[in-house]
Amino acid sequence: MTTSAGARMAATYALMRGAADVADHWVQTDAQAVTKGAQGKQAAVGRAACGRHVAAYVAVQGLALLAGNRALDLGLSRRRIAVALAISAVTHYAADRREPLKRLAHATGKGNFWDLAAPLGGAYALDQAWHHGAELVAAVVAARR
C-alpha cells in the first residue's frame, strides 16, 4: 500500500507521542525523575540518570515506530526512523537536564511562566511543549522518502 507523506507523518507523530507519554510517565523510574536534572556537585549523577531515562524513552519510541510501521504498512525507512529517534534523544536529554530549558525559557521571556508553582506548573508545561515540538520535527524527518 502507498501512503501519503502527510499520513505517514501523522501516524509517526502519534506513535512517537503515545510512546513518549508511556516512557516519560510509566517507564521512567522515580530515581531518574528526581535526579536527572541534578546540577553542581551532583551533575554527574544527574547526567547518568538522564542518560538512562533517555535510553529507555527512545527504546520505547523505537519499538512503537517499528511496530507501527509494520502494522500500518507506513513504509518508513529504518535509516529515517534512526534519525528521528536521534532527534528525539538529543532534544529530550537537553530538556530533561532542566537547566538548558530553564535558561531558554528565561531568555525568551517565559521565565515567569517557567517559575509558576504547582504540581504540574509552568516548567512541566514548557518541558512537554518542547518534547511535542521536537517529536513533530522527528516525525516529519521519519515520514520523508
N, C-alpha and C. Protein backbone atom coordinates (compact mmCIF):
# COMPACT_ATOMS: atom_id res chain seq x y z
N MET A 1 0.85 -1.18 0.00
CA MET A 1 0.00 0.00 0.00
C MET A 1 0.89 1.24 0.00
N THR A 2 0.48 2.26 -0.69
CA THR A 2 1.19 3.52 -0.71
C THR A 2 0.44 4.53 0.16
N THR A 3 1.16 5.12 1.09
CA THR A 3 0.55 6.14 1.94
C THR A 3 1.20 7.47 1.63
N SER A 4 0.45 8.54 1.82
CA SER A 4 0.97 9.87 1.55
C SER A 4 1.94 10.28 2.64
N ALA A 5 2.78 11.25 2.33
CA ALA A 5 3.73 11.76 3.32
C ALA A 5 3.00 12.31 4.53
N GLY A 6 1.88 12.97 4.30
CA GLY A 6 1.12 13.53 5.42
C GLY A 6 0.56 12.45 6.33
N ALA A 7 0.06 11.39 5.74
CA ALA A 7 -0.46 10.28 6.55
C ALA A 7 0.67 9.59 7.31
N ARG A 8 1.83 9.42 6.66
CA ARG A 8 2.98 8.82 7.35
C ARG A 8 3.42 9.70 8.50
N MET A 9 3.47 11.01 8.27
CA MET A 9 3.90 11.94 9.32
C MET A 9 2.92 11.91 10.49
N ALA A 10 1.63 11.95 10.21
CA ALA A 10 0.63 11.95 11.28
C ALA A 10 0.70 10.67 12.10
N ALA A 11 0.82 9.54 11.41
CA ALA A 11 0.91 8.26 12.12
C ALA A 11 2.21 8.19 12.93
N THR A 12 3.30 8.66 12.34
CA THR A 12 4.58 8.64 13.04
C THR A 12 4.55 9.52 14.28
N TYR A 13 3.97 10.70 14.15
CA TYR A 13 3.86 11.60 15.31
C TYR A 13 3.00 10.96 16.39
N ALA A 14 1.88 10.38 16.01
CA ALA A 14 1.01 9.74 17.01
C ALA A 14 1.74 8.60 17.71
N LEU A 15 2.48 7.81 16.97
CA LEU A 15 3.24 6.72 17.57
C LEU A 15 4.32 7.24 18.52
N MET A 16 5.05 8.26 18.09
CA MET A 16 6.11 8.81 18.93
C MET A 16 5.54 9.47 20.18
N ARG A 17 4.46 10.22 20.03
CA ARG A 17 3.88 10.94 21.17
C ARG A 17 3.28 9.98 22.18
N GLY A 18 2.56 8.97 21.70
CA GLY A 18 1.98 7.99 22.61
C GLY A 18 3.06 7.24 23.36
N ALA A 19 4.10 6.82 22.64
CA ALA A 19 5.21 6.11 23.28
C ALA A 19 5.93 7.02 24.27
N ALA A 20 6.06 8.29 23.93
CA ALA A 20 6.74 9.24 24.81
C ALA A 20 6.00 9.39 26.14
N ASP A 21 4.70 9.48 26.08
CA ASP A 21 3.93 9.60 27.32
C ASP A 21 4.10 8.37 28.20
N VAL A 22 4.06 7.19 27.59
CA VAL A 22 4.28 5.96 28.35
C VAL A 22 5.68 5.96 28.95
N ALA A 23 6.67 6.29 28.14
CA ALA A 23 8.06 6.26 28.59
C ALA A 23 8.33 7.29 29.68
N ASP A 24 7.79 8.50 29.51
CA ASP A 24 8.04 9.58 30.46
C ASP A 24 7.32 9.36 31.79
N HIS A 25 6.13 8.78 31.74
CA HIS A 25 5.32 8.73 32.95
C HIS A 25 5.17 7.35 33.57
N TRP A 26 5.47 6.29 32.82
CA TRP A 26 5.37 4.93 33.37
C TRP A 26 6.70 4.19 33.39
N VAL A 27 7.52 4.36 32.36
CA VAL A 27 8.77 3.62 32.29
C VAL A 27 9.87 4.31 33.11
N GLN A 28 9.90 5.62 33.08
CA GLN A 28 10.90 6.36 33.85
C GLN A 28 10.79 6.01 35.33
N THR A 29 11.92 5.73 35.96
CA THR A 29 11.90 5.41 37.38
C THR A 29 11.78 6.68 38.21
N ASP A 30 11.33 6.51 39.44
CA ASP A 30 11.27 7.65 40.36
C ASP A 30 12.65 8.26 40.55
N ALA A 31 13.67 7.41 40.68
CA ALA A 31 15.04 7.90 40.88
C ALA A 31 15.49 8.74 39.69
N GLN A 32 15.18 8.29 38.48
CA GLN A 32 15.55 9.08 37.29
C GLN A 32 14.83 10.42 37.28
N ALA A 33 13.56 10.40 37.59
CA ALA A 33 12.78 11.64 37.58
C ALA A 33 13.31 12.65 38.58
N VAL A 34 13.73 12.17 39.74
CA VAL A 34 14.20 13.05 40.80
C VAL A 34 15.61 13.56 40.54
N THR A 35 16.47 12.74 39.95
CA THR A 35 17.89 13.11 39.85
C THR A 35 18.35 13.56 38.48
N LYS A 36 17.58 13.36 37.42
CA LYS A 36 18.05 13.64 36.05
C LYS A 36 18.43 15.10 35.81
N GLY A 37 17.92 16.00 36.60
CA GLY A 37 18.25 17.41 36.43
C GLY A 37 19.29 17.93 37.40
N ALA A 38 19.90 17.04 38.18
CA ALA A 38 20.85 17.46 39.21
C ALA A 38 22.00 18.26 38.61
N GLN A 39 22.37 19.32 39.31
CA GLN A 39 23.45 20.21 38.87
C GLN A 39 24.53 20.25 39.96
N GLY A 40 25.53 21.06 39.73
CA GLY A 40 26.58 21.27 40.73
C GLY A 40 27.35 20.00 41.03
N LYS A 41 27.55 19.71 42.32
CA LYS A 41 28.32 18.54 42.73
C LYS A 41 27.65 17.24 42.33
N GLN A 42 26.36 17.28 42.09
CA GLN A 42 25.61 16.08 41.71
C GLN A 42 25.36 15.99 40.20
N ALA A 43 26.04 16.83 39.43
CA ALA A 43 25.80 16.88 37.98
C ALA A 43 26.08 15.53 37.30
N ALA A 44 27.13 14.84 37.71
CA ALA A 44 27.45 13.55 37.09
C ALA A 44 26.33 12.54 37.35
N VAL A 45 25.78 12.57 38.56
CA VAL A 45 24.65 11.69 38.89
C VAL A 45 23.45 12.05 38.02
N GLY A 46 23.21 13.35 37.85
CA GLY A 46 22.10 13.80 37.02
C GLY A 46 22.27 13.41 35.57
N ARG A 47 23.47 13.58 35.05
CA ARG A 47 23.72 13.20 33.64
C ARG A 47 23.49 11.71 33.44
N ALA A 48 23.97 10.90 34.37
CA ALA A 48 23.80 9.44 34.25
C ALA A 48 22.33 9.06 34.33
N ALA A 49 21.60 9.64 35.27
CA ALA A 49 20.17 9.33 35.40
C ALA A 49 19.41 9.76 34.16
N CYS A 50 19.76 10.93 33.65
CA CYS A 50 19.09 11.42 32.44
C CYS A 50 19.43 10.52 31.25
N GLY A 51 20.67 10.09 31.15
CA GLY A 51 21.06 9.19 30.07
C GLY A 51 20.29 7.87 30.11
N ARG A 52 20.14 7.31 31.31
CA ARG A 52 19.37 6.05 31.44
C ARG A 52 17.91 6.28 31.06
N HIS A 53 17.35 7.40 31.51
CA HIS A 53 15.96 7.71 31.17
C HIS A 53 15.80 7.86 29.66
N VAL A 54 16.67 8.62 29.03
CA VAL A 54 16.55 8.87 27.59
C VAL A 54 16.75 7.58 26.80
N ALA A 55 17.64 6.71 27.24
CA ALA A 55 17.83 5.43 26.55
C ALA A 55 16.54 4.61 26.57
N ALA A 56 15.89 4.55 27.73
CA ALA A 56 14.63 3.80 27.83
C ALA A 56 13.53 4.49 27.02
N TYR A 57 13.49 5.81 27.10
CA TYR A 57 12.50 6.62 26.40
C TYR A 57 12.56 6.36 24.88
N VAL A 58 13.77 6.41 24.34
CA VAL A 58 13.95 6.22 22.90
C VAL A 58 13.72 4.76 22.52
N ALA A 59 14.04 3.84 23.41
CA ALA A 59 13.75 2.43 23.12
C ALA A 59 12.25 2.21 22.99
N VAL A 60 11.48 2.82 23.87
CA VAL A 60 10.01 2.69 23.79
C VAL A 60 9.50 3.32 22.50
N GLN A 61 10.01 4.50 22.17
CA GLN A 61 9.61 5.13 20.91
C GLN A 61 10.02 4.28 19.72
N GLY A 62 11.21 3.72 19.76
CA GLY A 62 11.68 2.88 18.66
C GLY A 62 10.81 1.66 18.46
N LEU A 63 10.46 1.00 19.55
CA LEU A 63 9.56 -0.15 19.45
C LEU A 63 8.21 0.25 18.87
N ALA A 64 7.69 1.38 19.31
CA ALA A 64 6.41 1.86 18.79
C ALA A 64 6.50 2.16 17.30
N LEU A 65 7.58 2.81 16.88
CA LEU A 65 7.74 3.13 15.46
C LEU A 65 7.90 1.88 14.60
N LEU A 66 8.71 0.95 15.07
CA LEU A 66 8.90 -0.28 14.29
C LEU A 66 7.62 -1.09 14.20
N ALA A 67 6.91 -1.23 15.33
CA ALA A 67 5.65 -1.98 15.32
C ALA A 67 4.59 -1.26 14.49
N GLY A 68 4.49 0.05 14.66
CA GLY A 68 3.51 0.82 13.89
C GLY A 68 3.82 0.82 12.42
N ASN A 69 5.08 0.92 12.07
CA ASN A 69 5.50 0.89 10.67
C ASN A 69 5.07 -0.42 10.02
N ARG A 70 5.26 -1.50 10.75
CA ARG A 70 4.88 -2.82 10.22
C ARG A 70 3.36 -2.99 10.19
N ALA A 71 2.71 -2.67 11.30
CA ALA A 71 1.25 -2.89 11.40
C ALA A 71 0.46 -2.00 10.44
N LEU A 72 0.94 -0.78 10.24
CA LEU A 72 0.22 0.17 9.40
C LEU A 72 0.78 0.24 7.98
N ASP A 73 1.82 -0.53 7.71
CA ASP A 73 2.45 -0.54 6.38
C ASP A 73 2.81 0.88 5.94
N LEU A 74 3.51 1.60 6.83
CA LEU A 74 3.83 3.00 6.56
C LEU A 74 4.96 3.19 5.56
N GLY A 75 5.81 2.21 5.44
CA GLY A 75 6.94 2.33 4.51
C GLY A 75 8.04 3.25 5.00
N LEU A 76 8.16 3.41 6.32
CA LEU A 76 9.24 4.25 6.87
C LEU A 76 10.55 3.49 6.74
N SER A 77 11.60 4.19 6.35
CA SER A 77 12.90 3.53 6.26
C SER A 77 13.53 3.45 7.65
N ARG A 78 14.29 2.41 7.88
CA ARG A 78 14.96 2.25 9.18
C ARG A 78 15.95 3.39 9.41
N ARG A 79 16.56 3.87 8.35
CA ARG A 79 17.51 4.99 8.47
C ARG A 79 16.80 6.24 8.96
N ARG A 80 15.65 6.54 8.39
CA ARG A 80 14.90 7.73 8.81
C ARG A 80 14.34 7.55 10.22
N ILE A 81 13.93 6.35 10.55
CA ILE A 81 13.49 6.08 11.93
C ILE A 81 14.64 6.36 12.88
N ALA A 82 15.84 5.89 12.53
CA ALA A 82 17.01 6.11 13.39
C ALA A 82 17.31 7.60 13.55
N VAL A 83 17.21 8.37 12.47
CA VAL A 83 17.45 9.81 12.56
C VAL A 83 16.38 10.47 13.43
N ALA A 84 15.13 10.08 13.26
CA ALA A 84 14.05 10.63 14.08
C ALA A 84 14.28 10.33 15.56
N LEU A 85 14.70 9.12 15.86
CA LEU A 85 14.97 8.75 17.26
C LEU A 85 16.17 9.51 17.81
N ALA A 86 17.16 9.78 16.98
CA ALA A 86 18.31 10.58 17.42
C ALA A 86 17.86 12.01 17.75
N ILE A 87 17.00 12.58 16.93
CA ILE A 87 16.46 13.92 17.20
C ILE A 87 15.72 13.90 18.54
N SER A 88 14.90 12.91 18.73
CA SER A 88 14.14 12.79 19.96
C SER A 88 15.07 12.64 21.16
N ALA A 89 16.09 11.81 21.04
CA ALA A 89 17.01 11.56 22.15
C ALA A 89 17.77 12.82 22.55
N VAL A 90 18.36 13.49 21.57
CA VAL A 90 19.19 14.67 21.87
C VAL A 90 18.34 15.78 22.47
N THR A 91 17.18 16.04 21.89
CA THR A 91 16.34 17.12 22.40
C THR A 91 15.74 16.77 23.75
N HIS A 92 15.44 15.48 23.96
CA HIS A 92 14.87 15.07 25.24
C HIS A 92 15.92 15.19 26.34
N TYR A 93 17.13 14.76 26.06
CA TYR A 93 18.19 14.86 27.05
C TYR A 93 18.42 16.33 27.44
N ALA A 94 18.51 17.20 26.44
CA ALA A 94 18.74 18.63 26.72
C ALA A 94 17.64 19.20 27.61
N ALA A 95 16.41 18.87 27.30
CA ALA A 95 15.29 19.40 28.10
C ALA A 95 15.27 18.80 29.50
N ASP A 96 15.53 17.51 29.61
CA ASP A 96 15.40 16.85 30.91
C ASP A 96 16.58 17.11 31.85
N ARG A 97 17.64 17.68 31.35
CA ARG A 97 18.70 18.14 32.25
C ARG A 97 18.25 19.43 32.94
N ARG A 98 17.15 19.97 32.51
CA ARG A 98 16.39 21.08 33.08
C ARG A 98 17.05 22.45 32.90
N GLU A 99 18.29 22.59 33.24
CA GLU A 99 18.92 23.91 33.19
C GLU A 99 18.92 24.51 31.78
N PRO A 100 19.22 23.75 30.71
CA PRO A 100 19.18 24.36 29.37
C PRO A 100 17.79 24.91 29.02
N LEU A 101 16.75 24.16 29.34
CA LEU A 101 15.40 24.61 29.02
C LEU A 101 15.00 25.79 29.91
N LYS A 102 15.41 25.77 31.15
CA LYS A 102 15.14 26.90 32.05
C LYS A 102 15.81 28.17 31.52
N ARG A 103 17.06 28.06 31.08
CA ARG A 103 17.75 29.22 30.51
C ARG A 103 17.04 29.72 29.26
N LEU A 104 16.59 28.79 28.41
CA LEU A 104 15.86 29.18 27.20
C LEU A 104 14.56 29.88 27.57
N ALA A 105 13.84 29.36 28.54
CA ALA A 105 12.59 29.98 28.97
C ALA A 105 12.83 31.41 29.45
N HIS A 106 13.84 31.60 30.25
CA HIS A 106 14.14 32.94 30.76
C HIS A 106 14.61 33.87 29.64
N ALA A 107 15.40 33.34 28.71
CA ALA A 107 15.92 34.15 27.60
C ALA A 107 14.82 34.58 26.63
N THR A 108 13.74 33.82 26.55
CA THR A 108 12.67 34.13 25.60
C THR A 108 11.46 34.79 26.27
N GLY A 109 11.65 35.27 27.49
CA GLY A 109 10.57 35.96 28.18
C GLY A 109 9.53 35.05 28.81
N LYS A 110 9.86 33.78 28.95
CA LYS A 110 8.93 32.81 29.56
C LYS A 110 9.35 32.45 30.99
N GLY A 111 10.25 33.23 31.56
CA GLY A 111 10.77 32.92 32.89
C GLY A 111 9.71 32.90 33.97
N ASN A 112 8.78 33.86 33.94
CA ASN A 112 7.72 33.86 34.94
C ASN A 112 6.82 32.63 34.79
N PHE A 113 6.55 32.25 33.55
CA PHE A 113 5.73 31.06 33.31
C PHE A 113 6.48 29.82 33.79
N TRP A 114 7.78 29.73 33.48
CA TRP A 114 8.60 28.60 33.94
C TRP A 114 8.51 28.45 35.45
N ASP A 115 8.55 29.57 36.16
CA ASP A 115 8.60 29.56 37.62
C ASP A 115 7.25 29.36 38.29
N LEU A 116 6.17 29.25 37.51
CA LEU A 116 4.86 29.01 38.13
C LEU A 116 4.91 27.74 38.96
N ALA A 117 4.44 27.84 40.16
CA ALA A 117 4.45 26.67 41.05
C ALA A 117 3.11 25.95 40.97
N ALA A 118 3.18 24.68 41.05
CA ALA A 118 2.01 23.79 41.10
C ALA A 118 2.54 22.39 40.89
N PRO A 119 1.75 21.40 41.16
CA PRO A 119 2.24 20.05 40.87
C PRO A 119 2.67 19.90 39.42
N LEU A 120 1.94 20.49 38.52
CA LEU A 120 2.31 20.49 37.10
C LEU A 120 2.32 21.94 36.64
N GLY A 121 3.33 22.67 37.05
CA GLY A 121 3.42 24.10 36.77
C GLY A 121 4.01 24.42 35.41
N GLY A 122 4.49 25.64 35.31
CA GLY A 122 5.00 26.15 34.05
C GLY A 122 6.18 25.37 33.51
N ALA A 123 7.10 24.95 34.38
CA ALA A 123 8.27 24.20 33.92
C ALA A 123 7.84 22.91 33.22
N TYR A 124 6.87 22.22 33.82
CA TYR A 124 6.39 20.97 33.22
C TYR A 124 5.71 21.25 31.87
N ALA A 125 4.89 22.29 31.81
CA ALA A 125 4.19 22.62 30.57
C ALA A 125 5.18 22.97 29.46
N LEU A 126 6.18 23.78 29.78
CA LEU A 126 7.17 24.14 28.77
C LEU A 126 8.02 22.93 28.37
N ASP A 127 8.35 22.07 29.32
CA ASP A 127 9.06 20.83 29.02
C ASP A 127 8.26 19.98 28.04
N GLN A 128 7.00 19.79 28.31
CA GLN A 128 6.17 18.96 27.43
C GLN A 128 6.00 19.60 26.06
N ALA A 129 5.84 20.91 26.01
CA ALA A 129 5.73 21.60 24.72
C ALA A 129 7.01 21.41 23.90
N TRP A 130 8.16 21.47 24.57
CA TRP A 130 9.45 21.25 23.90
C TRP A 130 9.48 19.85 23.29
N HIS A 131 9.08 18.84 24.08
CA HIS A 131 9.10 17.46 23.59
C HIS A 131 8.14 17.28 22.42
N HIS A 132 6.96 17.85 22.51
CA HIS A 132 5.99 17.73 21.41
C HIS A 132 6.56 18.34 20.13
N GLY A 133 7.16 19.51 20.24
CA GLY A 133 7.74 20.17 19.07
C GLY A 133 8.87 19.36 18.46
N ALA A 134 9.73 18.82 19.30
CA ALA A 134 10.85 18.02 18.80
C ALA A 134 10.34 16.75 18.12
N GLU A 135 9.31 16.14 18.70
CA GLU A 135 8.76 14.92 18.09
C GLU A 135 8.06 15.23 16.78
N LEU A 136 7.50 16.42 16.65
CA LEU A 136 6.90 16.82 15.38
C LEU A 136 7.98 16.90 14.30
N VAL A 137 9.09 17.53 14.62
CA VAL A 137 10.21 17.60 13.67
C VAL A 137 10.69 16.19 13.33
N ALA A 138 10.86 15.35 14.36
CA ALA A 138 11.32 13.98 14.14
C ALA A 138 10.36 13.21 13.26
N ALA A 139 9.05 13.40 13.46
CA ALA A 139 8.05 12.69 12.66
C ALA A 139 8.11 13.11 11.19
N VAL A 140 8.34 14.40 10.95
CA VAL A 140 8.48 14.87 9.57
C VAL A 140 9.69 14.22 8.92
N VAL A 141 10.79 14.17 9.66
CA VAL A 141 12.02 13.54 9.13
C VAL A 141 11.76 12.07 8.82
N ALA A 142 11.13 11.36 9.74
CA ALA A 142 10.88 9.93 9.55
C ALA A 142 9.94 9.66 8.38
N ALA A 143 8.99 10.55 8.16
CA ALA A 143 7.96 10.31 7.14
C ALA A 143 8.43 10.59 5.70
N ARG A 144 9.53 11.32 5.57
CA ARG A 144 10.01 11.63 4.22
C ARG A 144 10.55 10.38 3.53
N ARG A 145 10.52 10.38 2.23
CA ARG A 145 11.06 9.23 1.47
C ARG A 145 12.36 9.60 0.84
